[in-house]
Amino acid sequence: MQPAQVAEYPVQFSVDYPDRPLDRVTTFFRLIVAIPILIVLGAVEGSTWQWSSNSNTTKVVAAGAGGVLFLAPLFMIVVRQKYPRWWFDWNLELLRFSNRVTAYMALMNDRYPSTDEQQTVHLDYPYPDVPRELNQWLPLVKWFLAIPHYIVLAFLGLAAVVVVIVAWFAILFTQHYPRELFNFVEGVLRWSNRVTGYALVLVTDQYPPFRLSP
């Protein structure tokens, strides 16, 4: 008997392993050298600042492009059974950019993140045929159905932070990211992107698997 094959989930994510010496200097100062691209990402995703005046009143200023579109696609799927293509493209490209920055912060690459090129970080999912592939009412409850994933990802996220710290020391001493640690961080990001594709950008009704592997 042949072993059962694991079904491929619609949201695909991977990061190319840097099988080469990594730059020690940019790794050591990663939190500093990443500031410019973090500012750019914050401007695209939308940022909010708050401060209090002398009269003890609070003022709020918001800036940015608004980030990932969630409510608009939700309403369109529920009311019109339609997902405008440019909304889909916006969400996909923004998530690709965000993942490039995240992978850079996680030391998975020492090449500065591009705002438009995929580089070594690959995220993809198909444009859905809404009437045939998406349930009209499911978007209303996907955020609730994904709660078990949020809980698991909270613990995995903490573990990933610890792994990245260990990898930071490993790169400083050896110039290499231990493959097992790299695979774990990649798996956590993959899991997170699957949940995002299901519950936030609403591109699939297939429930995300509880696994780190592809």
N, C-alpha and C. Protein backbone atom coordinates (compact mmCIF):
# COMPACT_ATOMS: atom_id res chain seq x y z
N MET A 1 0.84 -1.19 0.00
CA MET A 1 0.00 0.00 0.00
C MET A 1 0.88 1.25 0.00
N GLN A 2 0.50 2.23 -0.84
CA GLN A 2 1.24 3.48 -0.87
C GLN A 2 0.72 4.40 0.22
N PRO A 3 1.61 5.19 0.84
CA PRO A 3 1.16 6.11 1.87
C PRO A 3 0.22 7.16 1.30
N ALA A 4 -0.79 7.54 2.12
CA ALA A 4 -1.77 8.53 1.68
C ALA A 4 -1.10 9.88 1.50
N GLN A 5 -1.43 10.54 0.41
CA GLN A 5 -0.86 11.84 0.14
C GLN A 5 -1.64 12.94 0.86
N VAL A 6 -0.92 13.94 1.37
CA VAL A 6 -1.55 15.05 2.06
C VAL A 6 -2.10 16.02 1.01
N ALA A 7 -3.36 16.39 1.14
CA ALA A 7 -3.97 17.29 0.18
C ALA A 7 -3.29 18.65 0.22
N GLU A 8 -3.11 19.24 -0.96
CA GLU A 8 -2.46 20.54 -1.05
C GLU A 8 -3.46 21.63 -0.71
N TYR A 9 -3.09 22.47 0.25
CA TYR A 9 -3.99 23.55 0.65
C TYR A 9 -3.90 24.68 -0.36
N PRO A 10 -5.02 25.38 -0.66
CA PRO A 10 -5.00 26.43 -1.68
C PRO A 10 -4.01 27.55 -1.41
N VAL A 11 -3.79 27.89 -0.14
CA VAL A 11 -2.84 28.95 0.19
C VAL A 11 -1.45 28.33 0.30
N GLN A 12 -0.56 28.68 -0.61
CA GLN A 12 0.78 28.12 -0.66
C GLN A 12 1.81 29.16 -0.22
N PHE A 13 2.69 28.74 0.70
CA PHE A 13 3.72 29.66 1.20
C PHE A 13 5.03 28.90 1.38
N SER A 14 6.12 29.55 1.00
CA SER A 14 7.44 28.96 1.20
C SER A 14 8.49 30.07 1.19
N VAL A 15 9.62 29.77 1.80
CA VAL A 15 10.77 30.68 1.81
C VAL A 15 11.99 29.88 1.38
N ASP A 16 12.73 30.38 0.41
CA ASP A 16 13.94 29.69 -0.05
C ASP A 16 15.00 29.71 1.05
N TYR A 17 15.53 28.54 1.34
CA TYR A 17 16.56 28.45 2.37
C TYR A 17 17.86 29.08 1.87
N PRO A 18 18.46 29.98 2.64
CA PRO A 18 19.72 30.63 2.21
C PRO A 18 20.92 29.73 2.46
N ASP A 19 21.19 28.85 1.52
CA ASP A 19 22.31 27.91 1.67
C ASP A 19 23.62 28.58 1.26
N ARG A 20 23.98 29.59 2.03
CA ARG A 20 25.19 30.39 1.77
C ARG A 20 25.52 31.15 3.05
N PRO A 21 26.71 31.70 3.15
CA PRO A 21 27.04 32.51 4.34
C PRO A 21 26.17 33.78 4.40
N LEU A 22 25.58 34.01 5.54
CA LEU A 22 24.76 35.20 5.75
C LEU A 22 25.59 36.33 6.33
N ASP A 23 25.15 37.54 6.09
CA ASP A 23 25.89 38.72 6.53
C ASP A 23 25.75 38.91 8.04
N ARG A 24 26.88 38.89 8.76
CA ARG A 24 26.84 39.02 10.21
C ARG A 24 26.45 40.43 10.65
N VAL A 25 26.93 41.43 9.92
CA VAL A 25 26.69 42.81 10.34
C VAL A 25 25.21 43.16 10.28
N THR A 26 24.57 42.90 9.12
CA THR A 26 23.15 43.24 9.00
C THR A 26 22.29 42.34 9.90
N THR A 27 22.78 41.14 10.19
CA THR A 27 22.06 40.27 11.12
C THR A 27 22.12 40.85 12.52
N PHE A 28 23.29 41.30 12.94
CA PHE A 28 23.46 41.85 14.29
C PHE A 28 22.59 43.09 14.48
N PHE A 29 22.54 43.95 13.44
CA PHE A 29 21.79 45.20 13.55
C PHE A 29 20.43 45.12 12.85
N ARG A 30 19.85 43.93 12.75
CA ARG A 30 18.62 43.76 11.97
C ARG A 30 17.48 44.68 12.41
N LEU A 31 17.31 44.85 13.71
CA LEU A 31 16.23 45.71 14.19
C LEU A 31 16.41 47.15 13.76
N ILE A 32 17.65 47.56 13.55
CA ILE A 32 17.93 48.94 13.15
C ILE A 32 17.82 49.10 11.64
N VAL A 33 18.46 48.20 10.90
CA VAL A 33 18.47 48.34 9.43
C VAL A 33 17.08 48.11 8.83
N ALA A 34 16.21 47.46 9.58
CA ALA A 34 14.86 47.19 9.07
C ALA A 34 13.91 48.37 9.27
N ILE A 35 14.32 49.39 10.00
CA ILE A 35 13.42 50.50 10.31
C ILE A 35 12.82 51.15 9.06
N PRO A 36 13.62 51.48 8.02
CA PRO A 36 13.01 52.12 6.84
C PRO A 36 11.91 51.28 6.19
N ILE A 37 12.14 49.98 6.01
CA ILE A 37 11.12 49.16 5.36
C ILE A 37 9.92 48.94 6.27
N LEU A 38 10.13 48.94 7.58
CA LEU A 38 9.01 48.85 8.51
C LEU A 38 8.14 50.09 8.44
N ILE A 39 8.77 51.26 8.24
CA ILE A 39 8.01 52.50 8.08
C ILE A 39 7.17 52.44 6.80
N VAL A 40 7.79 51.95 5.72
CA VAL A 40 7.06 51.82 4.46
C VAL A 40 5.88 50.86 4.62
N LEU A 41 6.11 49.72 5.26
CA LEU A 41 5.05 48.75 5.47
C LEU A 41 3.94 49.35 6.33
N GLY A 42 4.32 50.07 7.37
CA GLY A 42 3.31 50.70 8.21
C GLY A 42 2.48 51.73 7.46
N ALA A 43 3.12 52.45 6.54
CA ALA A 43 2.39 53.44 5.73
C ALA A 43 1.40 52.78 4.80
N VAL A 44 1.76 51.63 4.26
CA VAL A 44 0.86 50.92 3.35
C VAL A 44 -0.27 50.24 4.12
N GLU A 45 0.05 49.65 5.26
CA GLU A 45 -0.96 48.94 6.03
C GLU A 45 -1.90 49.88 6.76
N GLY A 46 -1.44 51.12 7.04
CA GLY A 46 -2.26 52.05 7.81
C GLY A 46 -1.77 52.10 9.24
N SER A 47 -1.57 53.29 9.75
CA SER A 47 -1.06 53.46 11.11
C SER A 47 -1.92 54.48 11.85
N THR A 48 -1.94 54.35 13.18
CA THR A 48 -2.70 55.26 14.02
C THR A 48 -1.82 55.78 15.14
N TRP A 49 -1.86 57.09 15.34
CA TRP A 49 -1.12 57.69 16.44
C TRP A 49 -2.10 58.38 17.39
N GLN A 50 -1.82 58.34 18.69
CA GLN A 50 -2.66 58.99 19.68
C GLN A 50 -1.80 59.84 20.59
N TRP A 51 -2.35 60.96 21.01
CA TRP A 51 -1.66 61.77 22.00
C TRP A 51 -2.69 62.57 22.78
N SER A 52 -2.31 63.06 23.95
CA SER A 52 -3.22 63.84 24.79
C SER A 52 -2.76 65.28 24.83
N SER A 53 -3.69 66.19 24.72
CA SER A 53 -3.37 67.61 24.79
C SER A 53 -3.35 68.06 26.24
N ASN A 54 -3.06 69.34 26.45
CA ASN A 54 -3.00 69.87 27.81
C ASN A 54 -4.36 69.87 28.49
N SER A 55 -5.40 69.85 27.70
CA SER A 55 -6.75 69.86 28.27
C SER A 55 -7.25 68.45 28.58
N ASN A 56 -6.34 67.48 28.54
CA ASN A 56 -6.64 66.08 28.85
C ASN A 56 -7.59 65.43 27.84
N THR A 57 -7.69 66.03 26.68
CA THR A 57 -8.48 65.41 25.63
C THR A 57 -7.56 64.61 24.72
N THR A 58 -8.06 63.55 24.15
CA THR A 58 -7.26 62.67 23.30
C THR A 58 -7.60 62.91 21.84
N LYS A 59 -6.57 63.07 21.04
CA LYS A 59 -6.74 63.25 19.61
C LYS A 59 -6.16 62.03 18.89
N VAL A 60 -6.74 61.69 17.78
CA VAL A 60 -6.29 60.54 17.00
C VAL A 60 -6.05 60.97 15.56
N VAL A 61 -4.90 60.58 15.03
CA VAL A 61 -4.59 60.85 13.63
C VAL A 61 -4.28 59.52 12.97
N ALA A 62 -4.90 59.23 11.84
CA ALA A 62 -4.65 57.99 11.10
C ALA A 62 -4.02 58.31 9.76
N ALA A 63 -3.08 57.48 9.35
CA ALA A 63 -2.42 57.66 8.06
C ALA A 63 -2.20 56.31 7.42
N GLY A 64 -2.07 56.29 6.09
CA GLY A 64 -1.80 55.04 5.40
C GLY A 64 -2.88 54.69 4.41
N ALA A 65 -2.69 53.59 3.74
CA ALA A 65 -3.60 53.19 2.67
C ALA A 65 -4.73 52.31 3.15
N GLY A 66 -4.70 51.84 4.39
CA GLY A 66 -5.82 51.09 4.91
C GLY A 66 -5.58 49.62 5.16
N GLY A 67 -4.50 49.06 4.64
CA GLY A 67 -4.17 47.68 4.94
C GLY A 67 -5.00 46.66 4.18
N VAL A 68 -5.01 45.43 4.72
CA VAL A 68 -5.73 44.33 4.09
C VAL A 68 -7.23 44.61 4.10
N LEU A 69 -7.88 44.37 2.97
CA LEU A 69 -9.32 44.56 2.86
C LEU A 69 -10.03 43.33 3.39
N PHE A 70 -10.91 43.53 4.37
CA PHE A 70 -11.65 42.41 4.96
C PHE A 70 -13.16 42.63 4.87
N LEU A 71 -13.65 43.73 5.42
CA LEU A 71 -15.09 43.95 5.46
C LEU A 71 -15.68 44.12 4.06
N ALA A 72 -14.97 44.83 3.18
CA ALA A 72 -15.51 45.06 1.84
C ALA A 72 -15.69 43.74 1.07
N PRO A 73 -14.66 42.87 0.99
CA PRO A 73 -14.89 41.58 0.33
C PRO A 73 -15.97 40.75 1.02
N LEU A 74 -16.02 40.82 2.36
CA LEU A 74 -17.04 40.06 3.10
C LEU A 74 -18.44 40.47 2.64
N PHE A 75 -18.69 41.78 2.59
CA PHE A 75 -20.01 42.25 2.18
C PHE A 75 -20.31 41.88 0.73
N MET A 76 -19.31 42.00 -0.13
CA MET A 76 -19.53 41.69 -1.54
C MET A 76 -19.83 40.20 -1.74
N ILE A 77 -19.14 39.34 -1.00
CA ILE A 77 -19.39 37.90 -1.11
C ILE A 77 -20.79 37.57 -0.61
N VAL A 78 -21.18 38.16 0.52
CA VAL A 78 -22.49 37.87 1.12
C VAL A 78 -23.63 38.45 0.29
N VAL A 79 -23.48 39.68 -0.18
CA VAL A 79 -24.57 40.37 -0.86
C VAL A 79 -24.60 40.10 -2.35
N ARG A 80 -23.43 40.12 -2.98
CA ARG A 80 -23.36 40.02 -4.45
C ARG A 80 -22.73 38.73 -4.95
N GLN A 81 -22.17 37.92 -4.05
CA GLN A 81 -21.41 36.73 -4.44
C GLN A 81 -20.35 37.09 -5.48
N LYS A 82 -19.55 38.08 -5.11
CA LYS A 82 -18.53 38.61 -6.01
C LYS A 82 -17.33 39.05 -5.19
N TYR A 83 -16.13 38.83 -5.74
CA TYR A 83 -14.89 39.28 -5.11
C TYR A 83 -14.14 40.10 -6.16
N PRO A 84 -14.24 41.44 -6.12
CA PRO A 84 -13.57 42.26 -7.14
C PRO A 84 -12.10 41.90 -7.27
N ARG A 85 -11.66 41.73 -8.49
CA ARG A 85 -10.31 41.25 -8.75
C ARG A 85 -9.25 42.19 -8.18
N TRP A 86 -9.47 43.49 -8.28
CA TRP A 86 -8.44 44.40 -7.80
C TRP A 86 -8.34 44.38 -6.29
N TRP A 87 -9.42 44.05 -5.58
CA TRP A 87 -9.33 43.86 -4.13
C TRP A 87 -8.50 42.61 -3.82
N PHE A 88 -8.75 41.56 -4.58
CA PHE A 88 -7.98 40.32 -4.42
C PHE A 88 -6.50 40.58 -4.66
N ASP A 89 -6.16 41.28 -5.75
CA ASP A 89 -4.77 41.57 -6.08
C ASP A 89 -4.11 42.44 -5.02
N TRP A 90 -4.85 43.42 -4.50
CA TRP A 90 -4.31 44.28 -3.45
C TRP A 90 -3.94 43.45 -2.22
N ASN A 91 -4.88 42.62 -1.76
CA ASN A 91 -4.63 41.80 -0.58
C ASN A 91 -3.43 40.87 -0.78
N LEU A 92 -3.37 40.23 -1.95
CA LEU A 92 -2.29 39.29 -2.21
C LEU A 92 -0.94 39.99 -2.22
N GLU A 93 -0.83 41.12 -2.92
CA GLU A 93 0.45 41.82 -3.00
C GLU A 93 0.85 42.43 -1.66
N LEU A 94 -0.12 42.92 -0.89
CA LEU A 94 0.20 43.46 0.43
C LEU A 94 0.69 42.36 1.35
N LEU A 95 0.06 41.20 1.32
CA LEU A 95 0.49 40.09 2.16
C LEU A 95 1.86 39.57 1.72
N ARG A 96 2.13 39.58 0.43
CA ARG A 96 3.46 39.18 -0.04
C ARG A 96 4.52 40.13 0.51
N PHE A 97 4.24 41.42 0.42
CA PHE A 97 5.18 42.42 0.93
C PHE A 97 5.38 42.25 2.43
N SER A 98 4.28 42.10 3.16
CA SER A 98 4.34 41.92 4.61
C SER A 98 5.15 40.69 4.98
N ASN A 99 4.98 39.60 4.23
CA ASN A 99 5.73 38.38 4.52
C ASN A 99 7.21 38.52 4.20
N ARG A 100 7.55 39.31 3.18
CA ARG A 100 8.97 39.56 2.89
C ARG A 100 9.62 40.30 4.06
N VAL A 101 8.91 41.27 4.60
CA VAL A 101 9.44 42.02 5.75
C VAL A 101 9.53 41.11 6.97
N THR A 102 8.51 40.29 7.19
CA THR A 102 8.52 39.37 8.34
C THR A 102 9.67 38.38 8.23
N ALA A 103 9.88 37.81 7.04
CA ALA A 103 10.98 36.87 6.85
C ALA A 103 12.32 37.54 7.08
N TYR A 104 12.44 38.79 6.65
CA TYR A 104 13.68 39.54 6.87
C TYR A 104 13.91 39.76 8.37
N MET A 105 12.86 40.12 9.09
CA MET A 105 12.97 40.31 10.53
C MET A 105 13.29 38.99 11.24
N ALA A 106 12.83 37.88 10.66
CA ALA A 106 13.10 36.56 11.23
C ALA A 106 14.44 36.00 10.79
N LEU A 107 15.26 36.84 10.12
CA LEU A 107 16.63 36.50 9.71
C LEU A 107 16.69 35.42 8.63
N MET A 108 15.58 35.19 7.94
CA MET A 108 15.53 34.13 6.94
C MET A 108 16.19 34.54 5.63
N ASN A 109 16.55 35.81 5.53
CA ASN A 109 17.26 36.31 4.36
C ASN A 109 17.98 37.59 4.77
N ASP A 110 19.15 37.84 4.19
CA ASP A 110 19.86 39.08 4.51
C ASP A 110 19.78 40.08 3.37
N ARG A 111 18.96 39.79 2.36
CA ARG A 111 18.73 40.74 1.27
C ARG A 111 17.52 41.60 1.62
N TYR A 112 17.70 42.91 1.47
CA TYR A 112 16.66 43.84 1.91
C TYR A 112 15.35 43.58 1.17
N PRO A 113 14.22 43.61 1.90
CA PRO A 113 12.93 43.29 1.27
C PRO A 113 12.56 44.28 0.16
N SER A 114 12.08 43.73 -0.94
CA SER A 114 11.59 44.55 -2.04
C SER A 114 10.12 44.89 -1.81
N THR A 115 9.71 46.04 -2.34
CA THR A 115 8.30 46.41 -2.22
C THR A 115 7.43 45.75 -3.29
N ASP A 116 8.06 45.17 -4.33
CA ASP A 116 7.25 44.59 -5.39
C ASP A 116 7.73 43.23 -5.90
N GLU A 117 9.00 42.90 -5.75
CA GLU A 117 9.50 41.61 -6.22
C GLU A 117 9.38 40.55 -5.14
N GLN A 118 9.07 39.31 -5.53
CA GLN A 118 8.87 38.24 -4.55
C GLN A 118 10.17 37.82 -3.86
N GLN A 119 11.30 37.95 -4.55
CA GLN A 119 12.59 37.55 -3.98
C GLN A 119 12.54 36.09 -3.54
N THR A 120 12.86 35.81 -2.28
CA THR A 120 12.93 34.42 -1.82
C THR A 120 11.68 33.98 -1.05
N VAL A 121 10.71 34.88 -0.93
CA VAL A 121 9.49 34.58 -0.17
C VAL A 121 8.34 34.42 -1.15
N HIS A 122 7.68 33.27 -1.11
CA HIS A 122 6.65 32.95 -2.09
C HIS A 122 5.30 32.69 -1.41
N LEU A 123 4.33 33.51 -1.77
CA LEU A 123 2.96 33.35 -1.28
C LEU A 123 2.02 33.40 -2.47
N ASP A 124 1.12 32.44 -2.54
CA ASP A 124 0.18 32.44 -3.66
C ASP A 124 -1.09 31.71 -3.27
N TYR A 125 -2.19 32.15 -3.85
CA TYR A 125 -3.46 31.44 -3.74
C TYR A 125 -4.33 31.84 -4.93
N PRO A 126 -5.20 30.93 -5.38
CA PRO A 126 -5.96 31.18 -6.62
C PRO A 126 -7.09 32.18 -6.41
N TYR A 127 -7.40 32.90 -7.46
CA TYR A 127 -8.55 33.81 -7.44
C TYR A 127 -9.82 32.97 -7.42
N PRO A 128 -10.68 33.16 -6.43
CA PRO A 128 -11.83 32.26 -6.28
C PRO A 128 -12.97 32.58 -7.25
N ASP A 129 -13.61 31.52 -7.74
CA ASP A 129 -14.86 31.65 -8.48
C ASP A 129 -15.96 31.65 -7.42
N VAL A 130 -16.34 32.83 -6.99
CA VAL A 130 -17.17 32.97 -5.79
C VAL A 130 -18.46 32.16 -5.84
N PRO A 131 -19.30 32.26 -6.87
CA PRO A 131 -20.56 31.51 -6.85
C PRO A 131 -20.37 30.00 -6.73
N ARG A 132 -19.28 29.48 -7.28
CA ARG A 132 -19.08 28.03 -7.29
C ARG A 132 -18.17 27.53 -6.19
N GLU A 133 -17.25 28.38 -5.69
CA GLU A 133 -16.23 27.90 -4.76
C GLU A 133 -16.39 28.43 -3.33
N LEU A 134 -17.14 29.52 -3.14
CA LEU A 134 -17.26 30.11 -1.81
C LEU A 134 -18.72 30.09 -1.35
N ASN A 135 -18.94 29.65 -0.12
CA ASN A 135 -20.26 29.70 0.47
C ASN A 135 -20.64 31.15 0.74
N GLN A 136 -21.85 31.52 0.38
CA GLN A 136 -22.27 32.92 0.48
C GLN A 136 -22.28 33.44 1.91
N TRP A 137 -22.58 32.59 2.88
CA TRP A 137 -22.75 33.05 4.26
C TRP A 137 -21.60 32.70 5.17
N LEU A 138 -20.73 31.82 4.75
CA LEU A 138 -19.63 31.39 5.60
C LEU A 138 -18.69 32.52 6.04
N PRO A 139 -18.43 33.55 5.20
CA PRO A 139 -17.55 34.64 5.65
C PRO A 139 -17.98 35.32 6.95
N LEU A 140 -19.28 35.22 7.28
CA LEU A 140 -19.76 35.85 8.50
C LEU A 140 -19.25 35.16 9.76
N VAL A 141 -18.87 33.89 9.64
CA VAL A 141 -18.47 33.14 10.83
C VAL A 141 -17.05 32.58 10.75
N LYS A 142 -16.35 32.84 9.66
CA LYS A 142 -15.01 32.28 9.52
C LYS A 142 -14.08 32.73 10.65
N TRP A 143 -14.21 34.00 11.06
CA TRP A 143 -13.35 34.52 12.14
C TRP A 143 -13.56 33.71 13.42
N PHE A 144 -14.80 33.26 13.64
CA PHE A 144 -15.12 32.47 14.83
C PHE A 144 -14.61 31.04 14.69
N LEU A 145 -14.78 30.46 13.52
CA LEU A 145 -14.34 29.09 13.29
C LEU A 145 -12.82 28.96 13.38
N ALA A 146 -12.11 30.07 13.14
CA ALA A 146 -10.65 30.04 13.15
C ALA A 146 -10.06 30.24 14.55
N ILE A 147 -10.89 30.39 15.57
CA ILE A 147 -10.39 30.63 16.93
C ILE A 147 -9.39 29.56 17.40
N PRO A 148 -9.65 28.27 17.16
CA PRO A 148 -8.64 27.27 17.57
C PRO A 148 -7.27 27.54 16.95
N HIS A 149 -7.24 28.01 15.71
CA HIS A 149 -5.96 28.33 15.08
C HIS A 149 -5.30 29.53 15.75
N TYR A 150 -6.10 30.54 16.13
CA TYR A 150 -5.52 31.70 16.80
C TYR A 150 -4.81 31.28 18.08
N ILE A 151 -5.44 30.37 18.81
CA ILE A 151 -4.85 29.92 20.08
C ILE A 151 -3.53 29.18 19.84
N VAL A 152 -3.54 28.26 18.89
CA VAL A 152 -2.33 27.51 18.57
C VAL A 152 -1.24 28.45 18.06
N LEU A 153 -1.61 29.39 17.19
CA LEU A 153 -0.62 30.31 16.62
C LEU A 153 -0.03 31.23 17.68
N ALA A 154 -0.78 31.54 18.72
CA ALA A 154 -0.23 32.37 19.79
C ALA A 154 0.97 31.67 20.44
N PHE A 155 0.85 30.37 20.70
CA PHE A 155 1.95 29.60 21.28
C PHE A 155 3.07 29.39 20.26
N LEU A 156 2.69 29.10 19.02
CA LEU A 156 3.71 28.91 17.99
C LEU A 156 4.48 30.20 17.74
N GLY A 157 3.80 31.33 17.82
CA GLY A 157 4.47 32.61 17.63
C GLY A 157 5.51 32.87 18.70
N LEU A 158 5.18 32.55 19.94
CA LEU A 158 6.15 32.71 21.03
C LEU A 158 7.34 31.79 20.82
N ALA A 159 7.06 30.56 20.41
CA ALA A 159 8.15 29.62 20.15
C ALA A 159 9.02 30.11 18.99
N ALA A 160 8.39 30.70 17.97
CA ALA A 160 9.15 31.20 16.82
C ALA A 160 10.08 32.34 17.23
N VAL A 161 9.63 33.20 18.14
CA VAL A 161 10.50 34.29 18.64
C VAL A 161 11.75 33.72 19.29
N VAL A 162 11.57 32.70 20.12
CA VAL A 162 12.71 32.06 20.78
C VAL A 162 13.64 31.43 19.74
N VAL A 163 13.06 30.78 18.73
CA VAL A 163 13.86 30.14 17.69
C VAL A 163 14.67 31.18 16.91
N VAL A 164 14.05 32.33 16.61
CA VAL A 164 14.76 33.38 15.88
C VAL A 164 15.93 33.92 16.71
N ILE A 165 15.75 34.05 18.01
CA ILE A 165 16.84 34.51 18.87
C ILE A 165 18.00 33.52 18.84
N VAL A 166 17.67 32.23 18.91
CA VAL A 166 18.71 31.20 18.82
C VAL A 166 19.40 31.27 17.46
N ALA A 167 18.60 31.45 16.40
CA ALA A 167 19.17 31.54 15.05
C ALA A 167 20.07 32.76 14.91
N TRP A 168 19.72 33.85 15.59
CA TRP A 168 20.53 35.08 15.56
C TRP A 168 21.95 34.78 16.05
N PHE A 169 22.05 34.07 17.17
CA PHE A 169 23.36 33.70 17.69
C PHE A 169 24.07 32.74 16.74
N ALA A 170 23.32 31.79 16.18
CA ALA A 170 23.92 30.81 15.27
C ALA A 170 24.51 31.50 14.04
N ILE A 171 23.78 32.49 13.49
CA ILE A 171 24.28 33.20 12.31
C ILE A 171 25.51 34.02 12.65
N LEU A 172 25.52 34.65 13.81
CA LEU A 172 26.67 35.46 14.20
C LEU A 172 27.93 34.61 14.33
N PHE A 173 27.78 33.37 14.79
CA PHE A 173 28.94 32.51 14.99
C PHE A 173 29.29 31.69 13.75
N THR A 174 28.29 31.25 12.99
CA THR A 174 28.55 30.32 11.88
C THR A 174 28.20 30.88 10.51
N GLN A 175 27.48 32.00 10.47
CA GLN A 175 26.97 32.59 9.23
C GLN A 175 25.93 31.72 8.53
N HIS A 176 25.35 30.80 9.25
CA HIS A 176 24.33 29.94 8.67
C HIS A 176 23.13 29.83 9.61
N TYR A 177 21.95 29.73 8.99
CA TYR A 177 20.70 29.55 9.73
C TYR A 177 20.45 28.05 9.84
N PRO A 178 20.49 27.47 11.05
CA PRO A 178 20.25 26.02 11.17
C PRO A 178 18.97 25.61 10.44
N ARG A 179 19.08 24.61 9.61
CA ARG A 179 17.97 24.23 8.73
C ARG A 179 16.71 23.85 9.51
N GLU A 180 16.87 23.14 10.62
CA GLU A 180 15.71 22.74 11.41
C GLU A 180 14.98 23.95 11.98
N LEU A 181 15.75 24.93 12.44
CA LEU A 181 15.13 26.14 12.97
C LEU A 181 14.44 26.93 11.86
N PHE A 182 15.09 27.00 10.71
CA PHE A 182 14.51 27.69 9.56
C PHE A 182 13.18 27.05 9.17
N ASN A 183 13.15 25.73 9.10
CA ASN A 183 11.94 25.02 8.70
C ASN A 183 10.79 25.29 9.68
N PHE A 184 11.13 25.39 10.97
CA PHE A 184 10.09 25.65 11.97
C PHE A 184 9.49 27.04 11.77
N VAL A 185 10.34 28.06 11.62
CA VAL A 185 9.83 29.42 11.44
C VAL A 185 9.03 29.51 10.14
N GLU A 186 9.53 28.88 9.08
CA GLU A 186 8.79 28.85 7.82
C GLU A 186 7.42 28.20 8.01
N GLY A 187 7.38 27.12 8.79
CA GLY A 187 6.12 26.43 9.03
C GLY A 187 5.13 27.29 9.79
N VAL A 188 5.61 28.06 10.77
CA VAL A 188 4.72 28.95 11.53
C VAL A 188 4.15 30.02 10.62
N LEU A 189 4.99 30.60 9.76
CA LEU A 189 4.52 31.61 8.81
C LEU A 189 3.52 31.00 7.82
N ARG A 190 3.78 29.78 7.39
CA ARG A 190 2.88 29.09 6.47
C ARG A 190 1.51 28.90 7.13
N TRP A 191 1.52 28.43 8.37
CA TRP A 191 0.28 28.20 9.11
C TRP A 191 -0.49 29.51 9.24
N SER A 192 0.21 30.58 9.61
CA SER A 192 -0.42 31.89 9.77
C SER A 192 -1.04 32.39 8.47
N ASN A 193 -0.34 32.19 7.36
CA ASN A 193 -0.87 32.64 6.08
C ASN A 193 -2.09 31.84 5.64
N ARG A 194 -2.12 30.57 5.98
CA ARG A 194 -3.29 29.76 5.67
C ARG A 194 -4.52 30.28 6.42
N VAL A 195 -4.34 30.59 7.69
CA VAL A 195 -5.44 31.10 8.49
C VAL A 195 -5.88 32.47 7.97
N THR A 196 -4.92 33.30 7.58
CA THR A 196 -5.24 34.60 7.01
C THR A 196 -6.04 34.46 5.72
N GLY A 197 -5.61 33.54 4.87
CA GLY A 197 -6.33 33.32 3.61
C GLY A 197 -7.75 32.83 3.84
N TYR A 198 -7.95 32.03 4.87
CA TYR A 198 -9.28 31.49 5.17
C TYR A 198 -10.18 32.50 5.87
N ALA A 199 -9.68 33.10 6.95
CA ALA A 199 -10.53 33.90 7.83
C ALA A 199 -10.51 35.39 7.56
N LEU A 200 -9.45 35.89 6.92
CA LEU A 200 -9.32 37.34 6.76
C LEU A 200 -9.50 37.80 5.32
N VAL A 201 -8.75 37.22 4.39
CA VAL A 201 -8.92 37.64 2.99
C VAL A 201 -9.94 36.78 2.25
N LEU A 202 -10.43 35.71 2.89
CA LEU A 202 -11.63 34.99 2.44
C LEU A 202 -11.50 34.40 1.03
N VAL A 203 -10.35 33.85 0.71
CA VAL A 203 -10.15 33.32 -0.64
C VAL A 203 -10.46 31.83 -0.76
N THR A 204 -10.73 31.18 0.36
CA THR A 204 -11.04 29.75 0.32
C THR A 204 -11.97 29.39 1.47
N ASP A 205 -12.80 28.38 1.24
CA ASP A 205 -13.66 27.84 2.30
C ASP A 205 -13.06 26.59 2.91
N GLN A 206 -11.93 26.15 2.39
CA GLN A 206 -11.29 24.93 2.90
C GLN A 206 -10.62 25.25 4.24
N TYR A 207 -11.04 24.55 5.29
CA TYR A 207 -10.52 24.85 6.63
C TYR A 207 -9.02 24.56 6.69
N PRO A 208 -8.25 25.48 7.29
CA PRO A 208 -6.79 25.30 7.34
C PRO A 208 -6.39 24.06 8.14
N PRO A 209 -5.40 23.33 7.68
CA PRO A 209 -4.91 22.16 8.42
C PRO A 209 -4.07 22.58 9.62
N PHE A 210 -4.06 21.74 10.63
CA PHE A 210 -3.22 21.99 11.81
C PHE A 210 -1.86 21.34 11.58
N ARG A 211 -1.05 21.97 10.75
CA ARG A 211 0.27 21.43 10.49
C ARG A 211 1.21 22.53 10.01
N LEU A 212 2.50 22.31 10.23
CA LEU A 212 3.52 23.25 9.80
C LEU A 212 3.99 22.95 8.38
N SER A 213 3.85 21.72 7.97
CA SER A 213 4.39 21.29 6.68
C SER A 213 3.51 21.77 5.53
N PRO A 214 4.03 21.76 4.30
CA PRO A 214 3.23 22.16 3.13
C PRO A 214 1.99 21.30 2.95
